[in-house]
PDB file of N, CA and C in Angstrom:
ATOM      1  N   UNK A   1      44.942  10.988  10.550  1.00  0.00           N
ATOM      2  CA  UNK A   1      44.294  11.356   9.309  1.00  0.00           C
ATOM      3  C   UNK A   1      43.444  12.603   9.538  1.00  0.00           C
ATOM      4  N   UNK A   2      43.513  13.502   8.596  1.00  0.00           N
ATOM      5  CA  UNK A   2      42.705  14.713   8.621  1.00  0.00           C
ATOM      6  C   UNK A   2      41.322  14.367   8.056  1.00  0.00           C
ATOM      7  N   UNK A   3      40.225  14.734   8.747  1.00  0.00           N
ATOM      8  CA  UNK A   3      38.885  14.418   8.223  1.00  0.00           C
ATOM      9  C   UNK A   3      38.644  14.969   6.818  1.00  0.00           C
ATOM     10  N   UNK A   4      39.290  16.072   6.483  1.00  0.00           N
ATOM     11  CA  UNK A   4      39.141  16.640   5.143  1.00  0.00           C
ATOM     12  C   UNK A   4      39.692  15.705   4.064  1.00  0.00           C
ATOM     13  N   UNK A   5      40.601  14.816   4.440  1.00  0.00           N
ATOM     14  CA  UNK A   5      41.175  13.889   3.461  1.00  0.00           C
ATOM     15  C   UNK A   5      40.109  13.013   2.823  1.00  0.00           C
ATOM     16  N   UNK A   6      39.142  12.560   3.601  1.00  0.00           N
ATOM     17  CA  UNK A   6      38.087  11.712   3.039  1.00  0.00           C
ATOM     18  C   UNK A   6      37.263  12.496   2.017  1.00  0.00           C
ATOM     19  N   UNK A   7      36.996  13.764   2.317  1.00  0.00           N
ATOM     20  CA  UNK A   7      36.262  14.602   1.370  1.00  0.00           C
ATOM     21  C   UNK A   7      37.070  14.786   0.083  1.00  0.00           C
ATOM     22  N   UNK A   8      38.371  14.925   0.229  1.00  0.00           N
ATOM     23  CA  UNK A   8      39.231  15.092  -0.950  1.00  0.00           C
ATOM     24  C   UNK A   8      39.178  13.854  -1.848  1.00  0.00           C
ATOM     25  N   UNK A   9      39.066  12.679  -1.252  1.00  0.00           N
ATOM     26  CA  UNK A   9      39.024  11.452  -2.043  1.00  0.00           C
ATOM     27  C   UNK A   9      37.826  11.414  -2.979  1.00  0.00           C
ATOM     28  N   UNK A  10      36.719  12.050  -2.589  1.00  0.00           N
ATOM     29  CA  UNK A  10      35.507  12.024  -3.416  1.00  0.00           C
ATOM     30  C   UNK A  10      35.343  13.289  -4.265  1.00  0.00           C
ATOM     31  N   UNK A  11      36.319  14.205  -4.193  1.00  0.00           N
ATOM     32  CA  UNK A  11      36.219  15.430  -4.988  1.00  0.00           C
ATOM     33  C   UNK A  11      37.420  15.651  -5.911  1.00  0.00           C
ATOM     34  N   UNK A  12      38.590  15.173  -5.533  1.00  0.00           N
ATOM     35  CA  UNK A  12      39.784  15.398  -6.352  1.00  0.00           C
ATOM     36  C   UNK A  12      39.925  14.321  -7.428  1.00  0.00           C
ATOM     37  N   UNK A  13      40.370  14.761  -8.600  1.00  0.00           N
ATOM     38  CA  UNK A  13      40.581  13.845  -9.715  1.00  0.00           C
ATOM     39  C   UNK A  13      42.065  13.515  -9.854  1.00  0.00           C
ATOM     40  N   UNK A  14      42.324  12.324 -10.355  1.00  0.00           N
ATOM     41  CA  UNK A  14      43.691  11.918 -10.656  1.00  0.00           C
ATOM     42  C   UNK A  14      44.214  12.862 -11.741  1.00  0.00           C
ATOM     43  N   UNK A  15      45.355  13.537 -11.495  1.00  0.00           N
ATOM     44  CA  UNK A  15      45.808  14.564 -12.436  1.00  0.00           C
ATOM     45  C   UNK A  15      46.598  14.046 -13.643  1.00  0.00           C
ATOM     46  N   UNK A  16      46.956  12.770 -13.645  1.00  0.00           N
ATOM     47  CA  UNK A  16      47.782  12.259 -14.740  1.00  0.00           C
ATOM     48  C   UNK A  16      47.621  10.750 -14.865  1.00  0.00           C
ATOM     49  N   UNK A  17      48.196  10.215 -15.928  1.00  0.00           N
ATOM     50  CA  UNK A  17      48.255   8.768 -16.102  1.00  0.00           C
ATOM     51  C   UNK A  17      47.008   8.172 -16.727  1.00  0.00           C
ATOM     52  N   UNK A  18      46.965   6.864 -16.663  1.00  0.00           N
ATOM     53  CA  UNK A  18      45.901   6.075 -17.284  1.00  0.00           C
ATOM     54  C   UNK A  18      44.515   6.488 -16.801  1.00  0.00           C
ATOM     55  N   UNK A  19      44.418   6.887 -15.546  1.00  0.00           N
ATOM     56  CA  UNK A  19      43.120   7.223 -14.950  1.00  0.00           C
ATOM     57  C   UNK A  19      42.959   8.724 -14.725  1.00  0.00           C
ATOM     58  N   UNK A  20      43.637   9.529 -15.532  1.00  0.00           N
ATOM     59  CA  UNK A  20      43.522  10.986 -15.434  1.00  0.00           C
ATOM     60  C   UNK A  20      42.045  11.384 -15.537  1.00  0.00           C
ATOM     61  N   UNK A  21      41.607  12.255 -14.615  1.00  0.00           N
ATOM     62  CA  UNK A  21      40.235  12.733 -14.616  1.00  0.00           C
ATOM     63  C   UNK A  21      39.279  11.909 -13.773  1.00  0.00           C
ATOM     64  N   UNK A  22      39.717  10.756 -13.291  1.00  0.00           N
ATOM     65  CA  UNK A  22      38.853   9.913 -12.457  1.00  0.00           C
ATOM     66  C   UNK A  22      39.024  10.324 -10.994  1.00  0.00           C
ATOM     67  N   UNK A  23      37.923  10.356 -10.252  1.00  0.00           N
ATOM     68  CA  UNK A  23      38.012  10.678  -8.822  1.00  0.00           C
ATOM     69  C   UNK A  23      38.937   9.689  -8.122  1.00  0.00           C
ATOM     70  N   UNK A  24      39.690  10.182  -7.159  1.00  0.00           N
ATOM     71  CA  UNK A  24      40.595   9.301  -6.411  1.00  0.00           C
ATOM     72  C   UNK A  24      39.822   8.136  -5.804  1.00  0.00           C
ATOM     73  N   UNK A  25      38.610   8.398  -5.325  1.00  0.00           N
ATOM     74  CA  UNK A  25      37.803   7.344  -4.710  1.00  0.00           C
ATOM     75  C   UNK A  25      37.356   6.287  -5.717  1.00  0.00           C
ATOM     76  N   UNK A  26      37.430   6.605  -7.015  1.00  0.00           N
ATOM     77  CA  UNK A  26      36.986   5.675  -8.050  1.00  0.00           C
ATOM     78  C   UNK A  26      38.133   4.942  -8.746  1.00  0.00           C
ATOM     79  N   UNK A  27      39.345   5.146  -8.270  1.00  0.00           N
ATOM     80  CA  UNK A  27      40.480   4.436  -8.874  1.00  0.00           C
ATOM     81  C   UNK A  27      40.388   2.949  -8.544  1.00  0.00           C
ATOM     82  N   UNK A  28      40.692   2.095  -9.516  1.00  0.00           N
ATOM     83  CA  UNK A  28      40.596   0.652  -9.262  1.00  0.00           C
ATOM     84  C   UNK A  28      41.648   0.167  -8.268  1.00  0.00           C
ATOM     85  N   UNK A  29      41.269  -0.852  -7.524  1.00  0.00           N
ATOM     86  CA  UNK A  29      42.153  -1.413  -6.507  1.00  0.00           C
ATOM     87  C   UNK A  29      43.487  -1.861  -7.052  1.00  0.00           C
ATOM     88  N   UNK A  30      43.496  -2.449  -8.255  1.00  0.00           N
ATOM     89  CA  UNK A  30      44.771  -2.933  -8.795  1.00  0.00           C
ATOM     90  C   UNK A  30      45.730  -1.775  -9.076  1.00  0.00           C
ATOM     91  N   UNK A  31      45.194  -0.623  -9.459  1.00  0.00           N
ATOM     92  CA  UNK A  31      46.025   0.560  -9.694  1.00  0.00           C
ATOM     93  C   UNK A  31      46.586   1.077  -8.367  1.00  0.00           C
ATOM     94  N   UNK A  32      45.738   1.137  -7.361  1.00  0.00           N
ATOM     95  CA  UNK A  32      46.184   1.571  -6.033  1.00  0.00           C
ATOM     96  C   UNK A  32      47.223   0.615  -5.472  1.00  0.00           C
ATOM     97  N   UNK A  33      47.017  -0.686  -5.700  1.00  0.00           N
ATOM     98  CA  UNK A  33      47.975  -1.679  -5.223  1.00  0.00           C
ATOM     99  C   UNK A  33      49.304  -1.556  -5.964  1.00  0.00           C
ATOM    100  N   UNK A  34      49.253  -1.178  -7.230  1.00  0.00           N
ATOM    101  CA  UNK A  34      50.488  -0.957  -7.980  1.00  0.00           C
ATOM    102  C   UNK A  34      51.290   0.162  -7.319  1.00  0.00           C
ATOM    103  N   UNK A  35      50.619   1.262  -6.960  1.00  0.00           N
ATOM    104  CA  UNK A  35      51.310   2.345  -6.264  1.00  0.00           C
ATOM    105  C   UNK A  35      51.905   1.848  -4.948  1.00  0.00           C
ATOM    106  N   UNK A  36      51.173   0.995  -4.252  1.00  0.00           N
ATOM    107  CA  UNK A  36      51.666   0.472  -2.968  1.00  0.00           C
ATOM    108  C   UNK A  36      52.962  -0.304  -3.181  1.00  0.00           C
ATOM    109  N   UNK A  37      53.043  -1.033  -4.287  1.00  0.00           N
ATOM    110  CA  UNK A  37      54.267  -1.796  -4.583  1.00  0.00           C
ATOM    111  C   UNK A  37      55.391  -0.901  -5.115  1.00  0.00           C
ATOM    112  N   UNK A  38      55.038   0.018  -6.011  1.00  0.00           N
ATOM    113  CA  UNK A  38      56.037   0.851  -6.690  1.00  0.00           C
ATOM    114  C   UNK A  38      56.475   2.048  -5.843  1.00  0.00           C
ATOM    115  N   UNK A  39      55.615   2.456  -4.939  1.00  0.00           N
ATOM    116  CA  UNK A  39      55.906   3.620  -4.099  1.00  0.00           C
ATOM    117  C   UNK A  39      54.986   4.774  -4.439  1.00  0.00           C
ATOM    118  N   UNK A  40      54.381   5.346  -3.422  1.00  0.00           N
ATOM    119  CA  UNK A  40      53.497   6.489  -3.599  1.00  0.00           C
ATOM    120  C   UNK A  40      54.337   7.751  -3.792  1.00  0.00           C
ATOM    121  N   UNK A  41      53.870   8.698  -4.599  1.00  0.00           N
ATOM    122  CA  UNK A  41      54.596   9.971  -4.729  1.00  0.00           C
ATOM    123  C   UNK A  41      54.724  10.653  -3.362  1.00  0.00           C
ATOM    124  N   UNK A  42      55.813  11.374  -3.174  1.00  0.00           N
ATOM    125  CA  UNK A  42      56.058  12.070  -1.905  1.00  0.00           C
ATOM    126  C   UNK A  42      55.381  13.441  -1.933  1.00  0.00           C
ATOM    127  N   UNK A  43      54.073  13.418  -2.158  1.00  0.00           N
ATOM    128  CA  UNK A  43      53.273  14.644  -2.277  1.00  0.00           C
ATOM    129  C   UNK A  43      51.954  14.429  -1.549  1.00  0.00           C
ATOM    130  N   UNK A  44      51.126  15.468  -1.514  1.00  0.00           N
ATOM    131  CA  UNK A  44      49.788  15.301  -0.927  1.00  0.00           C
ATOM    132  C   UNK A  44      49.006  14.256  -1.717  1.00  0.00           C
ATOM    133  N   UNK A  45      49.147  14.281  -3.038  1.00  0.00           N
ATOM    134  CA  UNK A  45      48.464  13.289  -3.866  1.00  0.00           C
ATOM    135  C   UNK A  45      48.889  11.882  -3.451  1.00  0.00           C
ATOM    136  N   UNK A  46      50.166  11.674  -3.252  1.00  0.00           N
ATOM    137  CA  UNK A  46      50.648  10.361  -2.825  1.00  0.00           C
ATOM    138  C   UNK A  46      50.065   9.935  -1.494  1.00  0.00           C
ATOM    139  N   UNK A  47      49.963  10.888  -0.580  1.00  0.00           N
ATOM    140  CA  UNK A  47      49.374  10.596   0.746  1.00  0.00           C
ATOM    141  C   UNK A  47      47.909  10.203   0.590  1.00  0.00           C
ATOM    142  N   UNK A  48      47.193  10.904  -0.288  1.00  0.00           N
ATOM    143  CA  UNK A  48      45.779  10.586  -0.513  1.00  0.00           C
ATOM    144  C   UNK A  48      45.620   9.245  -1.232  1.00  0.00           C
ATOM    145  N   UNK A  49      46.495   8.955  -2.194  1.00  0.00           N
ATOM    146  CA  UNK A  49      46.452   7.659  -2.873  1.00  0.00           C
ATOM    147  C   UNK A  49      46.710   6.526  -1.886  1.00  0.00           C
ATOM    148  N   UNK A  50      47.645   6.742  -0.976  1.00  0.00           N
ATOM    149  CA  UNK A  50      47.929   5.731   0.039  1.00  0.00           C
ATOM    150  C   UNK A  50      46.722   5.513   0.942  1.00  0.00           C
ATOM    151  N   UNK A  51      46.068   6.595   1.339  1.00  0.00           N
ATOM    152  CA  UNK A  51      44.866   6.491   2.156  1.00  0.00           C
ATOM    153  C   UNK A  51      43.783   5.721   1.408  1.00  0.00           C
ATOM    154  N   UNK A  52      43.582   6.046   0.130  1.00  0.00           N
ATOM    155  CA  UNK A  52      42.555   5.357  -0.656  1.00  0.00           C
ATOM    156  C   UNK A  52      42.898   3.893  -0.821  1.00  0.00           C
ATOM    157  N   UNK A  53      44.166   3.575  -0.988  1.00  0.00           N
ATOM    158  CA  UNK A  53      44.582   2.168  -1.112  1.00  0.00           C
ATOM    159  C   UNK A  53      44.259   1.417   0.172  1.00  0.00           C
ATOM    160  N   UNK A  54      44.516   2.028   1.313  1.00  0.00           N
ATOM    161  CA  UNK A  54      44.218   1.382   2.596  1.00  0.00           C
ATOM    162  C   UNK A  54      42.713   1.197   2.766  1.00  0.00           C
ATOM    163  N   UNK A  55      41.935   2.195   2.393  1.00  0.00           N
ATOM    164  CA  UNK A  55      40.474   2.099   2.476  1.00  0.00           C
ATOM    165  C   UNK A  55      39.980   0.966   1.581  1.00  0.00           C
ATOM    166  N   UNK A  56      40.449   0.950   0.340  1.00  0.00           N
ATOM    167  CA  UNK A  56      40.033  -0.075  -0.625  1.00  0.00           C
ATOM    168  C   UNK A  56      40.464  -1.469  -0.164  1.00  0.00           C
ATOM    169  N   UNK A  57      41.705  -1.592   0.247  1.00  0.00           N
ATOM    170  CA  UNK A  57      42.258  -2.888   0.660  1.00  0.00           C
ATOM    171  C   UNK A  57      41.496  -3.473   1.848  1.00  0.00           C
ATOM    172  N   UNK A  58      41.030  -2.617   2.729  1.00  0.00           N
ATOM    173  CA  UNK A  58      40.323  -3.077   3.925  1.00  0.00           C
ATOM    174  C   UNK A  58      38.805  -3.118   3.751  1.00  0.00           C
ATOM    175  N   UNK A  59      38.333  -2.928   2.518  1.00  0.00           N
ATOM    176  CA  UNK A  59      36.900  -3.024   2.244  1.00  0.00           C
ATOM    177  C   UNK A  59      36.077  -1.914   2.853  1.00  0.00           C
ATOM    178  N   UNK A  60      36.683  -0.752   3.027  1.00  0.00           N
ATOM    179  CA  UNK A  60      35.995   0.348   3.698  1.00  0.00           C
ATOM    180  C   UNK A  60      35.445   1.401   2.734  1.00  0.00           C
ATOM    181  N   UNK A  61      35.489   1.144   1.435  1.00  0.00           N
ATOM    182  CA  UNK A  61      35.000   2.120   0.454  1.00  0.00           C
ATOM    183  C   UNK A  61      33.564   2.579   0.711  1.00  0.00           C
ATOM    184  N   UNK A  62      32.671   1.713   1.245  1.00  0.00           N
ATOM    185  CA  UNK A  62      31.307   2.192   1.525  1.00  0.00           C
ATOM    186  C   UNK A  62      31.259   3.390   2.484  1.00  0.00           C
ATOM    187  N   UNK A  63      32.312   3.586   3.269  1.00  0.00           N
ATOM    188  CA  UNK A  63      32.335   4.749   4.171  1.00  0.00           C
ATOM    189  C   UNK A  63      32.331   6.068   3.403  1.00  0.00           C
ATOM    190  N   UNK A  64      32.734   6.034   2.142  1.00  0.00           N
ATOM    191  CA  UNK A  64      32.794   7.252   1.340  1.00  0.00           C
ATOM    192  C   UNK A  64      31.447   7.613   0.705  1.00  0.00           C
ATOM    193  N   UNK A  65      30.497   6.683   0.694  1.00  0.00           N
ATOM    194  CA  UNK A  65      29.207   6.917   0.038  1.00  0.00           C
ATOM    195  C   UNK A  65      28.488   8.146   0.601  1.00  0.00           C
ATOM    196  N   UNK A  66      28.369   8.304   1.919  1.00  0.00           N
ATOM    197  CA  UNK A  66      27.684   9.501   2.426  1.00  0.00           C
ATOM    198  C   UNK A  66      28.381  10.795   2.013  1.00  0.00           C
ATOM    199  N   UNK A  67      29.693  10.767   1.879  1.00  0.00           N
ATOM    200  CA  UNK A  67      30.426  11.963   1.459  1.00  0.00           C
ATOM    201  C   UNK A  67      30.122  12.296   0.005  1.00  0.00           C
ATOM    202  N   UNK A  68      29.970  11.271  -0.816  1.00  0.00           N
ATOM    203  CA  UNK A  68      29.621  11.501  -2.225  1.00  0.00           C
ATOM    204  C   UNK A  68      28.243  12.154  -2.299  1.00  0.00           C
ATOM    205  N   UNK A  69      27.295  11.646  -1.538  1.00  0.00           N
ATOM    206  CA  UNK A  69      25.934  12.176  -1.523  1.00  0.00           C
ATOM    207  C   UNK A  69      25.941  13.619  -1.027  1.00  0.00           C
ATOM    208  N   UNK A  70      26.668  13.852   0.052  1.00  0.00           N
ATOM    209  CA  UNK A  70      26.777  15.203   0.625  1.00  0.00           C
ATOM    210  C   UNK A  70      27.380  16.154  -0.400  1.00  0.00           C
ATOM    211  N   UNK A  71      28.386  15.709  -1.104  1.00  0.00           N
ATOM    212  CA  UNK A  71      29.078  16.538  -2.095  1.00  0.00           C
ATOM    213  C   UNK A  71      28.146  16.920  -3.246  1.00  0.00           C
ATOM    214  N   UNK A  72      27.304  15.997  -3.684  1.00  0.00           N
ATOM    215  CA  UNK A  72      26.390  16.275  -4.791  1.00  0.00           C
ATOM    216  C   UNK A  72      25.397  17.384  -4.434  1.00  0.00           C
ATOM    217  N   UNK A  73      24.992  17.413  -3.160  1.00  0.00           N
ATOM    218  CA  UNK A  73      24.021  18.415  -2.729  1.00  0.00           C
ATOM    219  C   UNK A  73      24.634  19.804  -2.596  1.00  0.00           C
ATOM    220  N   UNK A  74      25.962  19.869  -2.544  1.00  0.00           N
ATOM    221  CA  UNK A  74      26.644  21.156  -2.331  1.00  0.00           C
ATOM    222  C   UNK A  74      27.448  21.600  -3.538  1.00  0.00           C
ATOM    223  N   UNK A  75      27.075  21.165  -4.722  1.00  0.00           N
ATOM    224  CA  UNK A  75      27.804  21.596  -5.914  1.00  0.00           C
ATOM    225  C   UNK A  75      27.172  22.831  -6.500  1.00  0.00           C
TER     226      UNK A  75
END
């Protein structure tokens, strides 16, 4: 995993669908799990969605909190 990927999860927005405009890190677990079942897109977005699904599934979302705080200070 590229360390920049975690930063992308708290800065990039979902570009389409039901959750368009929501940060990848804020997508609900059931939506991420749906992608896991249906298949992630074969793109960078798909790779990031898969990473977020793994983080969410393993209860590791709190690891993103410091990145969110850091990001707010650098906007």
